Amino acid sequence: MGILDEVGKIAGAVAAVEAAEKLDANASLLTKGIAAIARFEGAGALESAAHDQQEAKDASDQV
């Protein structure tokens, strides 16, 4: 499942760059890079939060 997670993050980063280009046709390389990094890191944070929430739910179900 690790490879699929990374592919999802990369796809999100690509989508963020495309969105930045649509918002500003003259977007700089720095702007595109920041959008890609923010989306890539955001996907990881969301995945981590969802995993933590699932673990908490599983732990409460066992009690």
Protein backbone atom coordinates (compact mmCIF):
# COMPACT_ATOMS: atom_id res chain seq x y z
CA MET A 1 0.00 0.00 0.00
CA GLY A 2 2.99 2.32 0.45
CA ILE A 3 3.61 2.73 -3.27
CA LEU A 4 -0.03 3.59 -3.92
CA ASP A 5 0.11 6.24 -1.19
CA GLU A 6 3.15 7.83 -2.83
CA VAL A 7 1.47 7.75 -6.25
CA GLY A 8 -1.55 9.51 -4.75
CA LYS A 9 0.65 12.20 -3.25
CA ILE A 10 2.47 12.74 -6.54
CA ALA A 11 -0.82 12.93 -8.44
CA GLY A 12 -2.03 15.53 -5.95
CA ALA A 13 1.16 17.54 -6.42
CA VAL A 14 0.72 17.47 -10.20
CA ALA A 15 -2.89 18.57 -9.83
CA ALA A 16 -1.78 21.46 -7.60
CA VAL A 17 0.72 22.64 -10.22
CA GLU A 18 -1.96 22.46 -12.91
CA ALA A 19 -4.32 24.47 -10.72
CA ALA A 20 -1.63 27.09 -10.10
CA GLU A 21 -1.09 27.39 -13.85
CA LYS A 22 -4.83 27.81 -14.45
CA LEU A 23 -5.07 30.53 -11.80
CA ASP A 24 -2.00 32.36 -13.09
CA ALA A 25 -0.82 31.54 -16.60
CA ASN A 26 2.47 33.29 -15.82
CA ALA A 27 3.05 31.47 -12.52
CA SER A 28 6.72 31.31 -11.64
CA LEU A 29 8.62 28.12 -11.07
CA LEU A 30 8.75 29.01 -7.37
CA THR A 31 4.96 29.35 -7.20
CA LYS A 32 4.50 26.00 -8.92
CA GLY A 33 7.05 24.37 -6.63
CA ILE A 34 5.37 25.72 -3.51
CA ALA A 35 1.97 24.50 -4.73
CA ALA A 36 3.37 21.03 -5.42
CA ILE A 37 5.14 20.76 -2.07
CA ALA A 38 2.13 22.05 -0.15
CA ARG A 39 -0.18 19.53 -1.81
CA PHE A 40 2.28 16.66 -1.41
CA GLU A 41 2.78 17.40 2.30
CA GLY A 42 -0.95 18.05 2.78
CA ALA A 43 -1.81 14.65 1.37
CA GLY A 44 0.61 13.04 3.80
CA ALA A 45 -0.85 14.95 6.73
CA LEU A 46 -4.41 13.98 5.79
CA GLU A 47 -3.42 10.35 5.42
CA SER A 48 -1.69 10.40 8.79
CA ALA A 49 -4.70 12.01 10.48
CA ALA A 50 -7.07 9.48 8.92
CA HIS A 51 -4.83 6.63 10.05
CA ASP A 52 -4.65 8.00 13.60
CA GLN A 53 -8.42 8.41 13.68
CA GLN A 54 -8.93 4.83 12.48
CA GLU A 55 -6.54 3.52 15.15
CA ALA A 56 -8.41 5.46 17.84
CA LYS A 57 -11.71 4.04 16.61
CA ASP A 58 -10.31 0.51 16.57
CA ALA A 59 -8.97 0.96 20.11
CA SER A 60 -12.33 2.22 21.39
CA ASP A 61 -14.13 -0.69 19.71
CA GLN A 62 -11.93 -3.15 21.59
CA VAL A 63 -12.78 -1.70 25.00
